[in-house]
Amino acid sequence: MALLREPLLLLSRSGVVKKLVSTMPVSAGIVKSYVPGETTATAVEATRGLVDDDLKVTLDFLGEDTLDVEHADATVAAYVELLRELSSQGLSRSAEVSVKLSAIGQALQDVGHKTALENARTICRAARNAGTTVTLDMEDHTTTDSTLTILRELRKDFPETGAVLQAYLHRTEADCRALAYEGSRVRLCKGAYNEPEEVAYQSRIDVDRSYVRCLKVLLAGQGYPMIASHDPRIVEIASSLASRFGRAQGSYEFQMLYGIRPDEQRRLARAGETVRVYIPYGQEWYGYLMRRLAERPQNLSFFLKSLISKS
């Protein structure tokens, strides 16, 4: 599958292929299963449907690696609009937003850190006014230190701001220990980027073992762990560890992507667990989807298996 990486990246920049994917009946239906739409209205509609099923939501306005100030400003404006609409629809208690710092200016030359921090502050302020929170998504390993520095700055004024840590990085267990304090919200995921072996575990079993070690740190700590995994084994282990560490339901949550294992999402919610669904939306859905498939072979394998299960 590694041979498919470059072709997938090339396809991610093809407007012709995007049009075909979004208009052919079969593929259009598949895309909508994972990305509900391009507009605020479609994102809010999808949110309402999930909230009606007793699920929580986090929304990601798609876009990353922004090298244009105007584009970053437009992304901030989209989040502010979304948060305003969630509040007006009475959904903000159940829905928060996830923000990639590279989408709001982190990669801008010379001024990236300052721009991303100020833009993140604007979104955090809008989220607080709406009665909800922000979680900073984590991207490739070269941005980890910058993202955690911005997190620390934001938490001075917005201590409710969530963090994301990726279990496949060698450093993450230590980062979990640093962030497992009272009031700290931490989403733990396995990681989606194609990282070198110098910084990241390469085999599935090593990533899984790291995930469990990190999960133990977070569940034993004083923070609020957000367990982001679709892996049935990880979900089962997490439930067992939560019980071992005396964690009451509601003192942690499970997170899964929109369209992935929806029956399991509802089963966990019916069992009393807090379950949050990650909804990506926006016009950049096509590049997002293709890049995720290209970044790690496991992504493509998982995506294809999911399609088979839906057919």
C-alpha atoms as a PDB file:
ATOM      1  CA  MET A   1       0.000   0.000   0.000  1.00  0.00           C
ATOM      2  CA  ALA A   2       2.974   2.325   0.409  1.00  0.00           C
ATOM      3  CA  LEU A   3       3.151   2.425  -3.394  1.00  0.00           C
ATOM      4  CA  LEU A   4      -0.244   4.141  -3.394  1.00  0.00           C
ATOM      5  CA  ARG A   5       0.917   7.103  -1.316  1.00  0.00           C
ATOM      6  CA  GLU A   6       2.163   9.364  -4.122  1.00  0.00           C
ATOM      7  CA  PRO A   7      -0.785   8.600  -6.453  1.00  0.00           C
ATOM      8  CA  LEU A   8      -3.203   9.400  -3.617  1.00  0.00           C
ATOM      9  CA  LEU A   9      -1.430  12.672  -2.884  1.00  0.00           C
ATOM     10  CA  LEU A  10      -1.622  13.601  -6.569  1.00  0.00           C
ATOM     11  CA  LEU A  11      -5.316  12.768  -6.624  1.00  0.00           C
ATOM     12  CA  SER A  12      -5.847  14.948  -3.552  1.00  0.00           C
ATOM     13  CA  ARG A  13      -5.046  17.974  -5.737  1.00  0.00           C
ATOM     14  CA  SER A  14      -7.283  16.981  -8.641  1.00  0.00           C
ATOM     15  CA  GLY A  15     -10.450  19.019  -9.008  1.00  0.00           C
ATOM     16  CA  VAL A  16     -11.643  16.710 -11.783  1.00  0.00           C
ATOM     17  CA  VAL A  17     -11.430  13.619  -9.581  1.00  0.00           C
ATOM     18  CA  LYS A  18     -13.069  15.490  -6.698  1.00  0.00           C
ATOM     19  CA  LYS A  19     -16.013  16.310  -8.948  1.00  0.00           C
ATOM     20  CA  LEU A  20     -16.331  12.676 -10.004  1.00  0.00           C
ATOM     21  CA  VAL A  21     -16.124  11.420  -6.425  1.00  0.00           C
ATOM     22  CA  SER A  22     -18.707  13.914  -5.181  1.00  0.00           C
ATOM     23  CA  THR A  23     -21.212  13.409  -8.010  1.00  0.00           C
ATOM     24  CA  MET A  24     -21.143   9.683  -8.774  1.00  0.00           C
ATOM     25  CA  PRO A  25     -24.036   8.158  -6.780  1.00  0.00           C
ATOM     26  CA  VAL A  26     -22.040   5.406  -5.062  1.00  0.00           C
ATOM     27  CA  SER A  27     -18.980   7.460  -4.109  1.00  0.00           C
ATOM     28  CA  ALA A  28     -21.045  10.516  -3.177  1.00  0.00           C
ATOM     29  CA  GLY A  29     -22.982   8.374  -0.724  1.00  0.00           C
ATOM     30  CA  ILE A  30     -19.742   7.015   0.713  1.00  0.00           C
ATOM     31  CA  VAL A  31     -18.268  10.507   1.165  1.00  0.00           C
ATOM     32  CA  LYS A  32     -21.419  11.743   2.908  1.00  0.00           C
ATOM     33  CA  SER A  33     -21.086   8.839   5.322  1.00  0.00           C
ATOM     34  CA  TYR A  34     -17.808  10.334   6.574  1.00  0.00           C
ATOM     35  CA  VAL A  35     -18.164  14.075   5.853  1.00  0.00           C
ATOM     36  CA  PRO A  36     -21.761  15.340   6.215  1.00  0.00           C
ATOM     37  CA  GLY A  37     -21.315  18.433   4.058  1.00  0.00           C
ATOM     38  CA  GLU A  38     -19.478  21.630   3.228  1.00  0.00           C
ATOM     39  CA  THR A  39     -21.538  24.244   5.066  1.00  0.00           C
ATOM     40  CA  THR A  40     -22.247  25.316   8.624  1.00  0.00           C
ATOM     41  CA  ALA A  41     -25.873  24.329   8.123  1.00  0.00           C
ATOM     42  CA  THR A  42     -25.006  20.735   7.182  1.00  0.00           C
ATOM     43  CA  ALA A  43     -22.604  20.452  10.115  1.00  0.00           C
ATOM     44  CA  VAL A  44     -25.233  21.717  12.548  1.00  0.00           C
ATOM     45  CA  GLU A  45     -27.836  19.373  11.070  1.00  0.00           C
ATOM     46  CA  ALA A  46     -25.514  16.383  11.540  1.00  0.00           C
ATOM     47  CA  THR A  47     -24.784  17.553  15.081  1.00  0.00           C
ATOM     48  CA  ARG A  48     -28.462  17.706  15.952  1.00  0.00           C
ATOM     49  CA  GLY A  49     -29.023  14.166  14.699  1.00  0.00           C
ATOM     50  CA  LEU A  50     -26.245  12.818  16.901  1.00  0.00           C
ATOM     51  CA  VAL A  51     -27.257  14.835  19.952  1.00  0.00           C
ATOM     52  CA  ASP A  52     -30.789  13.467  19.578  1.00  0.00           C
ATOM     53  CA  ASP A  53     -29.198  10.021  19.982  1.00  0.00           C
ATOM     54  CA  ASP A  54     -27.539  11.104  23.261  1.00  0.00           C
ATOM     55  CA  LEU A  55     -24.113  11.521  21.659  1.00  0.00           C
ATOM     56  CA  LYS A  56     -21.699  14.423  22.073  1.00  0.00           C
ATOM     57  CA  VAL A  57     -19.943  16.067  19.132  1.00  0.00           C
ATOM     58  CA  THR A  58     -16.715  17.823  18.217  1.00  0.00           C
ATOM     59  CA  LEU A  59     -16.578  19.639  14.864  1.00  0.00           C
ATOM     60  CA  ASP A  60     -13.563  20.230  12.632  1.00  0.00           C
ATOM     61  CA  PHE A  61     -13.774  22.850   9.861  1.00  0.00           C
ATOM     62  CA  LEU A  62     -11.478  21.217   7.350  1.00  0.00           C
ATOM     63  CA  GLY A  63      -8.260  22.844   6.271  1.00  0.00           C
ATOM     64  CA  GLU A  64      -4.586  22.537   7.177  1.00  0.00           C
ATOM     65  CA  ASP A  65      -1.109  23.676   6.144  1.00  0.00           C
ATOM     66  CA  THR A  66      -2.429  27.178   5.463  1.00  0.00           C
ATOM     67  CA  LEU A  67       0.210  29.514   4.013  1.00  0.00           C
ATOM     68  CA  ASP A  68      -2.105  32.451   3.406  1.00  0.00           C
ATOM     69  CA  VAL A  69      -3.225  34.972   6.055  1.00  0.00           C
ATOM     70  CA  GLU A  70      -6.598  35.523   4.392  1.00  0.00           C
ATOM     71  CA  HIS A  71      -7.264  31.793   4.363  1.00  0.00           C
ATOM     72  CA  ALA A  72      -6.426  31.547   8.051  1.00  0.00           C
ATOM     73  CA  ASP A  73      -8.748  34.471   8.800  1.00  0.00           C
ATOM     74  CA  ALA A  74     -11.541  32.797   6.821  1.00  0.00           C
ATOM     75  CA  THR A  75     -11.107  29.616   8.864  1.00  0.00           C
ATOM     76  CA  VAL A  76     -11.374  31.582  12.113  1.00  0.00           C
ATOM     77  CA  ALA A  77     -14.527  33.285  10.820  1.00  0.00           C
ATOM     78  CA  ALA A  78     -16.021  29.890   9.931  1.00  0.00           C
ATOM     79  CA  TYR A  79     -15.469  28.631  13.477  1.00  0.00           C
ATOM     80  CA  VAL A  80     -16.975  31.766  14.984  1.00  0.00           C
ATOM     81  CA  GLU A  81     -20.021  31.379  12.735  1.00  0.00           C
ATOM     82  CA  LEU A  82     -20.347  27.701  13.651  1.00  0.00           C
ATOM     83  CA  LEU A  83     -20.135  28.410  17.379  1.00  0.00           C
ATOM     84  CA  ARG A  84     -22.709  31.167  17.114  1.00  0.00           C
ATOM     85  CA  GLU A  85     -25.071  28.816  15.281  1.00  0.00           C
ATOM     86  CA  LEU A  86     -24.550  25.959  17.743  1.00  0.00           C
ATOM     87  CA  SER A  87     -25.425  28.334  20.564  1.00  0.00           C
ATOM     88  CA  SER A  88     -28.511  29.694  18.848  1.00  0.00           C
ATOM     89  CA  GLN A  89     -29.721  26.144  18.142  1.00  0.00           C
ATOM     90  CA  GLY A  90     -29.213  25.079  21.762  1.00  0.00           C
ATOM     91  CA  LEU A  91     -26.520  22.564  20.837  1.00  0.00           C
ATOM     92  CA  SER A  92     -23.410  24.066  22.390  1.00  0.00           C
ATOM     93  CA  ARG A  93     -23.720  22.099  25.635  1.00  0.00           C
ATOM     94  CA  SER A  94     -23.259  18.922  23.626  1.00  0.00           C
ATOM     95  CA  ALA A  95     -20.918  20.133  20.877  1.00  0.00           C
ATOM     96  CA  GLU A  96     -17.416  21.583  20.966  1.00  0.00           C
ATOM     97  CA  VAL A  97     -14.913  22.332  18.183  1.00  0.00           C
ATOM     98  CA  SER A  98     -11.559  20.833  17.193  1.00  0.00           C
ATOM     99  CA  VAL A  99      -8.981  23.162  15.629  1.00  0.00           C
ATOM    100  CA  LYS A 100      -5.834  22.390  13.648  1.00  0.00           C
ATOM    101  CA  LEU A 101      -3.335  25.152  14.330  1.00  0.00           C
ATOM    102  CA  SER A 102      -1.867  24.799  10.839  1.00  0.00           C
ATOM    103  CA  ALA A 103      -5.281  25.831   9.484  1.00  0.00           C
ATOM    104  CA  ILE A 104      -5.163  29.134  11.360  1.00  0.00           C
ATOM    105  CA  GLY A 105      -1.636  30.259  10.588  1.00  0.00           C
ATOM    106  CA  GLN A 106       0.875  28.065  12.445  1.00  0.00           C
ATOM    107  CA  ALA A 107       2.882  27.429   9.245  1.00  0.00           C
ATOM    108  CA  LEU A 108       3.148  31.091   8.222  1.00  0.00           C
ATOM    109  CA  GLN A 109       6.765  32.133   7.876  1.00  0.00           C
ATOM    110  CA  ASP A 110       8.151  34.187  10.797  1.00  0.00           C
ATOM    111  CA  VAL A 111       4.723  35.003  12.288  1.00  0.00           C
ATOM    112  CA  GLY A 112       3.184  31.521  12.411  1.00  0.00           C
ATOM    113  CA  HIS A 113       3.307  30.982  16.178  1.00  0.00           C
ATOM    114  CA  LYS A 114       1.949  34.424  17.022  1.00  0.00           C
ATOM    115  CA  THR A 115      -0.763  34.263  14.366  1.00  0.00           C
ATOM    116  CA  ALA A 116      -1.949  30.799  15.389  1.00  0.00           C
ATOM    117  CA  LEU A 117      -2.032  31.781  19.063  1.00  0.00           C
ATOM    118  CA  GLU A 118      -4.052  34.944  18.460  1.00  0.00           C
ATOM    119  CA  ASN A 119      -6.449  33.164  16.110  1.00  0.00           C
ATOM    120  CA  ALA A 120      -6.874  30.310  18.588  1.00  0.00           C
ATOM    121  CA  ARG A 121      -7.659  32.855  21.298  1.00  0.00           C
ATOM    122  CA  THR A 122     -10.406  34.310  19.107  1.00  0.00           C
ATOM    123  CA  ILE A 123     -11.955  30.854  18.641  1.00  0.00           C
ATOM    124  CA  CYS A 124     -11.622  30.016  22.350  1.00  0.00           C
ATOM    125  CA  ARG A 125     -13.340  33.276  23.247  1.00  0.00           C
ATOM    126  CA  ALA A 126     -16.199  32.527  20.843  1.00  0.00           C
ATOM    127  CA  ALA A 127     -16.479  29.009  22.282  1.00  0.00           C
ATOM    128  CA  ARG A 128     -16.671  30.300  25.840  1.00  0.00           C
ATOM    129  CA  ASN A 129     -19.314  32.833  24.839  1.00  0.00           C
ATOM    130  CA  ALA A 130     -21.269  29.961  23.287  1.00  0.00           C
ATOM    131  CA  GLY A 131     -20.905  27.870  26.437  1.00  0.00           C
ATOM    132  CA  THR A 132     -18.568  25.246  25.042  1.00  0.00           C
ATOM    133  CA  THR A 133     -14.885  24.423  24.546  1.00  0.00           C
ATOM    134  CA  VAL A 134     -12.065  24.019  22.017  1.00  0.00           C
ATOM    135  CA  THR A 135      -9.672  21.105  21.549  1.00  0.00           C
ATOM    136  CA  LEU A 136      -6.397  21.669  19.690  1.00  0.00           C
ATOM    137  CA  ASP A 137      -5.819  18.877  17.192  1.00  0.00           C
ATOM    138  CA  MET A 138      -2.319  17.441  16.937  1.00  0.00           C
ATOM    139  CA  GLU A 139      -0.597  17.144  13.562  1.00  0.00           C
ATOM    140  CA  ASP A 140       2.757  15.732  12.434  1.00  0.00           C
ATOM    141  CA  HIS A 141       5.605  15.478  14.968  1.00  0.00           C
ATOM    142  CA  THR A 142       7.369  18.642  13.755  1.00  0.00           C
ATOM    143  CA  THR A 143       4.495  20.715  15.187  1.00  0.00           C
ATOM    144  CA  THR A 144       4.163  18.978  18.553  1.00  0.00           C
ATOM    145  CA  ASP A 145       6.302  21.358  20.621  1.00  0.00           C
ATOM    146  CA  SER A 146       4.729  24.443  19.043  1.00  0.00           C
ATOM    147  CA  THR A 147       1.221  23.081  19.587  1.00  0.00           C
ATOM    148  CA  LEU A 148       1.859  22.248  23.245  1.00  0.00           C
ATOM    149  CA  THR A 149       3.430  25.687  23.805  1.00  0.00           C
ATOM    150  CA  ILE A 150       0.340  27.356  22.347  1.00  0.00           C
ATOM    151  CA  LEU A 151      -1.827  25.089  24.505  1.00  0.00           C
ATOM    152  CA  ARG A 152      -0.028  26.270  27.639  1.00  0.00           C
ATOM    153  CA  GLU A 153      -0.501  29.908  26.618  1.00  0.00           C
ATOM    154  CA  LEU A 154      -4.203  29.405  25.887  1.00  0.00           C
ATOM    155  CA  ARG A 155      -4.842  27.593  29.145  1.00  0.00           C
ATOM    156  CA  LYS A 156      -3.781  30.685  31.097  1.00  0.00           C
ATOM    157  CA  ASP A 157      -7.025  32.358  30.004  1.00  0.00           C
ATOM    158  CA  PHE A 158      -8.978  29.328  28.770  1.00  0.00           C
ATOM    159  CA  PRO A 159      -8.023  26.416  31.060  1.00  0.00           C
ATOM    160  CA  GLU A 160     -10.789  24.307  29.536  1.00  0.00           C
ATOM    161  CA  THR A 161      -8.921  24.058  26.205  1.00  0.00           C
ATOM    162  CA  GLY A 162      -8.374  20.424  25.245  1.00  0.00           C
ATOM    163  CA  ALA A 163      -5.168  18.781  24.026  1.00  0.00           C
ATOM    164  CA  VAL A 164      -4.545  15.852  21.695  1.00  0.00           C
ATOM    165  CA  LEU A 165      -1.672  13.389  22.103  1.00  0.00           C
ATOM    166  CA  GLN A 166      -0.669  10.641  19.665  1.00  0.00           C
ATOM    167  CA  ALA A 167       0.316   7.301  21.145  1.00  0.00           C
ATOM    168  CA  TYR A 168       2.611   6.301  18.297  1.00  0.00           C
ATOM    169  CA  LEU A 169       5.154   8.986  19.203  1.00  0.00           C
ATOM    170  CA  HIS A 170       7.926   7.858  21.570  1.00  0.00           C
ATOM    171  CA  ARG A 171       7.521  11.029  23.624  1.00  0.00           C
ATOM    172  CA  THR A 172       3.804  10.718  24.330  1.00  0.00           C
ATOM    173  CA  GLU A 173       3.881   8.800  27.609  1.00  0.00           C
ATOM    174  CA  ALA A 174       5.932  11.633  29.109  1.00  0.00           C
ATOM    175  CA  ASP A 175       3.577  14.207  27.602  1.00  0.00           C
ATOM    176  CA  CYS A 176       0.641  12.359  29.187  1.00  0.00           C
ATOM    177  CA  ARG A 177       2.295  12.590  32.606  1.00  0.00           C
ATOM    178  CA  ALA A 178       2.802  16.326  32.119  1.00  0.00           C
ATOM    179  CA  LEU A 179      -0.830  16.879  31.146  1.00  0.00           C
ATOM    180  CA  ALA A 180      -2.648  14.524  33.547  1.00  0.00           C
ATOM    181  CA  TYR A 181      -3.541  17.256  36.013  1.00  0.00           C
ATOM    182  CA  GLU A 182      -6.901  18.422  37.337  1.00  0.00           C
ATOM    183  CA  GLY A 183      -8.995  20.239  34.758  1.00  0.00           C
ATOM    184  CA  SER A 184      -6.851  19.070  31.849  1.00  0.00           C
ATOM    185  CA  ARG A 185      -8.784  17.536  28.938  1.00  0.00           C
ATOM    186  CA  VAL A 186      -6.622  15.187  26.841  1.00  0.00           C
ATOM    187  CA  ARG A 187      -7.700  13.257  23.756  1.00  0.00           C
ATOM    188  CA  LEU A 188      -5.500  10.203  23.219  1.00  0.00           C
ATOM    189  CA  CYS A 189      -5.404   8.823  19.681  1.00  0.00           C
ATOM    190  CA  LYS A 190      -3.062   6.385  17.973  1.00  0.00           C
ATOM    191  CA  GLY A 191      -1.865   8.867  15.336  1.00  0.00           C
ATOM    192  CA  ALA A 192      -2.485   9.190  11.600  1.00  0.00           C
ATOM    193  CA  TYR A 193       0.652  10.678  10.056  1.00  0.00           C
ATOM    194  CA  ASN A 194       3.497   8.848   8.319  1.00  0.00           C
ATOM    195  CA  GLU A 195       6.230   9.432  10.901  1.00  0.00           C
ATOM    196  CA  PRO A 196       9.877   8.224  10.846  1.00  0.00           C
ATOM    197  CA  GLU A 197      10.998   5.443  13.161  1.00  0.00           C
ATOM    198  CA  GLU A 198      13.277   7.888  15.001  1.00  0.00           C
ATOM    199  CA  VAL A 199      10.230   9.512  16.591  1.00  0.00           C
ATOM    200  CA  ALA A 200       7.400   7.004  16.266  1.00  0.00           C
ATOM    201  CA  TYR A 201       6.626   3.331  16.769  1.00  0.00           C
ATOM    202  CA  GLN A 202       6.144   1.599  13.422  1.00  0.00           C
ATOM    203  CA  SER A 203       4.410  -1.694  14.218  1.00  0.00           C
ATOM    204  CA  ARG A 204       0.771  -1.961  15.163  1.00  0.00           C
ATOM    205  CA  ILE A 205       1.506  -3.932  18.325  1.00  0.00           C
ATOM    206  CA  ASP A 206       4.042  -1.353  19.551  1.00  0.00           C
ATOM    207  CA  VAL A 207       1.554   1.468  18.937  1.00  0.00           C
ATOM    208  CA  ASP A 208      -1.160  -0.434  20.783  1.00  0.00           C
ATOM    209  CA  ARG A 209       1.138  -1.097  23.746  1.00  0.00           C
ATOM    210  CA  SER A 210       2.074   2.569  23.883  1.00  0.00           C
ATOM    211  CA  TYR A 211      -1.598   3.532  23.737  1.00  0.00           C
ATOM    212  CA  VAL A 212      -2.394   1.359  26.747  1.00  0.00           C
ATOM    213  CA  ARG A 213       0.584   2.712  28.727  1.00  0.00           C
ATOM    214  CA  CYS A 214      -0.513   6.280  27.977  1.00  0.00           C
ATOM    215  CA  LEU A 215      -4.112   5.465  28.818  1.00  0.00           C
ATOM    216  CA  LYS A 216      -3.061   4.139  32.231  1.00  0.00           C
ATOM    217  CA  VAL A 217      -1.263   7.423  32.942  1.00  0.00           C
ATOM    218  CA  LEU A 218      -4.293   9.510  31.971  1.00  0.00           C
ATOM    219  CA  LEU A 219      -6.857   7.387  33.814  1.00  0.00           C
ATOM    220  CA  ALA A 220      -4.682   7.342  36.939  1.00  0.00           C
ATOM    221  CA  GLY A 221      -4.279  11.115  36.781  1.00  0.00           C
ATOM    222  CA  GLN A 222      -6.561  13.981  37.754  1.00  0.00           C
ATOM    223  CA  GLY A 223      -7.552  15.128  34.266  1.00  0.00           C
ATOM    224  CA  TYR A 224     -10.353  14.238  31.873  1.00  0.00           C
ATOM    225  CA  PRO A 225      -9.208  11.554  29.389  1.00  0.00           C
ATOM    226  CA  MET A 226     -10.831  11.406  25.953  1.00  0.00           C
ATOM    227  CA  ILE A 227     -10.285   7.923  24.544  1.00  0.00           C
ATOM    228  CA  ALA A 228     -10.193   8.239  20.750  1.00  0.00           C
ATOM    229  CA  SER A 229     -10.192   4.786  19.183  1.00  0.00           C
ATOM    230  CA  HIS A 230     -12.401   2.549  17.060  1.00  0.00           C
ATOM    231  CA  ASP A 231     -10.384  -0.534  17.980  1.00  0.00           C
ATOM    232  CA  PRO A 232     -12.693  -2.929  19.882  1.00  0.00           C
ATOM    233  CA  ARG A 233      -9.749  -4.214  21.929  1.00  0.00           C
ATOM    234  CA  ILE A 234      -8.770  -0.706  23.014  1.00  0.00           C
ATOM    235  CA  VAL A 235     -12.364   0.137  23.937  1.00  0.00           C
ATOM    236  CA  GLU A 236     -12.592  -3.012  26.052  1.00  0.00           C
ATOM    237  CA  ILE A 237      -9.233  -2.350  27.718  1.00  0.00           C
ATOM    238  CA  ALA A 238     -10.191   1.265  28.402  1.00  0.00           C
ATOM    239  CA  SER A 239     -13.429   0.216  30.094  1.00  0.00           C
ATOM    240  CA  SER A 240     -11.530  -2.269  32.264  1.00  0.00           C
ATOM    241  CA  LEU A 241      -8.868   0.295  33.189  1.00  0.00           C
ATOM    242  CA  ALA A 242     -11.495   2.920  34.024  1.00  0.00           C
ATOM    243  CA  SER A 243     -13.020   0.470  36.493  1.00  0.00           C
ATOM    244  CA  ARG A 244      -9.602  -0.442  37.927  1.00  0.00           C
ATOM    245  CA  PHE A 245      -8.753   3.206  38.567  1.00  0.00           C
ATOM    246  CA  GLY A 246     -12.150   3.940  40.109  1.00  0.00           C
ATOM    247  CA  ARG A 247     -13.282   6.180  37.276  1.00  0.00           C
ATOM    248  CA  ALA A 248     -17.012   6.920  37.299  1.00  0.00           C
ATOM    249  CA  GLN A 249     -18.813   7.193  33.981  1.00  0.00           C
ATOM    250  CA  GLY A 250     -18.686  10.826  32.933  1.00  0.00           C
ATOM    251  CA  SER A 251     -15.164  11.378  34.288  1.00  0.00           C
ATOM    252  CA  TYR A 252     -13.802  10.329  30.879  1.00  0.00           C
ATOM    253  CA  GLU A 253     -15.252   9.827  27.418  1.00  0.00           C
ATOM    254  CA  PHE A 254     -14.907   7.771  24.259  1.00  0.00           C
ATOM    255  CA  GLN A 255     -14.436   9.465  20.892  1.00  0.00           C
ATOM    256  CA  MET A 256     -14.982   8.087  17.386  1.00  0.00           C
ATOM    257  CA  LEU A 257     -15.149   9.530  13.892  1.00  0.00           C
ATOM    258  CA  TYR A 258     -18.401  10.393  12.173  1.00  0.00           C
ATOM    259  CA  GLY A 259     -19.551   7.386  10.178  1.00  0.00           C
ATOM    260  CA  ILE A 260     -17.192   4.882  11.820  1.00  0.00           C
ATOM    261  CA  ARG A 261     -18.814   2.173  13.972  1.00  0.00           C
ATOM    262  CA  PRO A 262     -22.028   4.168  14.562  1.00  0.00           C
ATOM    263  CA  ASP A 263     -23.746   1.171  16.172  1.00  0.00           C
ATOM    264  CA  GLU A 264     -20.913   0.880  18.679  1.00  0.00           C
ATOM    265  CA  GLN A 265     -21.142   4.590  19.423  1.00  0.00           C
ATOM    266  CA  ARG A 266     -24.808   4.203  20.303  1.00  0.00           C
ATOM    267  CA  ARG A 267     -24.240   0.988  22.248  1.00  0.00           C
ATOM    268  CA  LEU A 268     -21.694   2.700  24.492  1.00  0.00           C
ATOM    269  CA  ALA A 269     -24.005   5.677  24.979  1.00  0.00           C
ATOM    270  CA  ARG A 270     -26.901   3.401  25.938  1.00  0.00           C
ATOM    271  CA  ALA A 271     -24.577   1.751  28.480  1.00  0.00           C
ATOM    272  CA  GLY A 272     -24.125   5.134  30.154  1.00  0.00           C
ATOM    273  CA  GLU A 273     -20.777   6.110  28.644  1.00  0.00           C
ATOM    274  CA  THR A 274     -20.067   9.583  27.314  1.00  0.00           C
ATOM    275  CA  VAL A 275     -19.382   9.238  23.593  1.00  0.00           C
ATOM    276  CA  ARG A 276     -18.259  12.125  21.383  1.00  0.00           C
ATOM    277  CA  VAL A 277     -18.354  11.951  17.583  1.00  0.00           C
ATOM    278  CA  TYR A 278     -15.750  13.837  15.534  1.00  0.00           C
ATOM    279  CA  ILE A 279     -17.417  15.559  12.559  1.00  0.00           C
ATOM    280  CA  PRO A 280     -15.216  16.978   9.785  1.00  0.00           C
ATOM    281  CA  TYR A 281     -16.933  19.361   7.370  1.00  0.00           C
ATOM    282  CA  GLY A 282     -16.156  22.063   4.828  1.00  0.00           C
ATOM    283  CA  GLN A 283     -15.125  22.495   1.213  1.00  0.00           C
ATOM    284  CA  GLU A 284     -11.707  20.915   1.765  1.00  0.00           C
ATOM    285  CA  TRP A 285     -13.170  17.487   2.529  1.00  0.00           C
ATOM    286  CA  TYR A 286     -11.692  15.874  -0.581  1.00  0.00           C
ATOM    287  CA  GLY A 287      -8.068  16.785   0.073  1.00  0.00           C
ATOM    288  CA  TYR A 288      -8.542  15.882   3.737  1.00  0.00           C
ATOM    289  CA  LEU A 289      -9.892  12.434   2.905  1.00  0.00           C
ATOM    290  CA  MET A 290      -7.225  11.629   0.314  1.00  0.00           C
ATOM    291  CA  ARG A 291      -4.352  12.856   2.497  1.00  0.00           C
ATOM    292  CA  ARG A 292      -5.546  10.790   5.435  1.00  0.00           C
ATOM    293  CA  LEU A 293      -5.583   7.736   3.201  1.00  0.00           C
ATOM    294  CA  ALA A 294      -2.106   8.542   1.880  1.00  0.00           C
ATOM    295  CA  GLU A 295      -0.400   9.326   5.187  1.00  0.00           C
ATOM    296  CA  ARG A 296      -0.517   5.810   6.594  1.00  0.00           C
ATOM    297  CA  PRO A 297      -1.238   2.526   4.805  1.00  0.00           C
ATOM    298  CA  GLN A 298      -3.358   1.479   7.786  1.00  0.00           C
ATOM    299  CA  ASN A 299      -5.745   4.351   7.023  1.00  0.00           C
ATOM    300  CA  LEU A 300      -6.476   3.024   3.555  1.00  0.00           C
ATOM    301  CA  SER A 301      -6.924  -0.501   4.872  1.00  0.00           C
ATOM    302  CA  PHE A 302      -9.291   0.700   7.595  1.00  0.00           C
ATOM    303  CA  PHE A 303     -11.256   2.834   5.127  1.00  0.00           C
ATOM    304  CA  LEU A 304     -11.705  -0.053   2.681  1.00  0.00           C
ATOM    305  CA  LYS A 305     -12.796  -2.413   5.459  1.00  0.00           C
ATOM    306  CA  SER A 306     -15.310   0.182   6.613  1.00  0.00           C
ATOM    307  CA  LEU A 307     -16.729   0.503   3.104  1.00  0.00           C
ATOM    308  CA  ILE A 308     -17.119  -3.280   2.870  1.00  0.00           C
ATOM    309  CA  SER A 309     -18.937  -3.348   6.208  1.00  0.00           C
ATOM    310  CA  LYS A 310     -21.361  -0.698   4.946  1.00  0.00           C
ATOM    311  CA  SER A 311     -22.141  -2.496   1.699  1.00  0.00           C
END
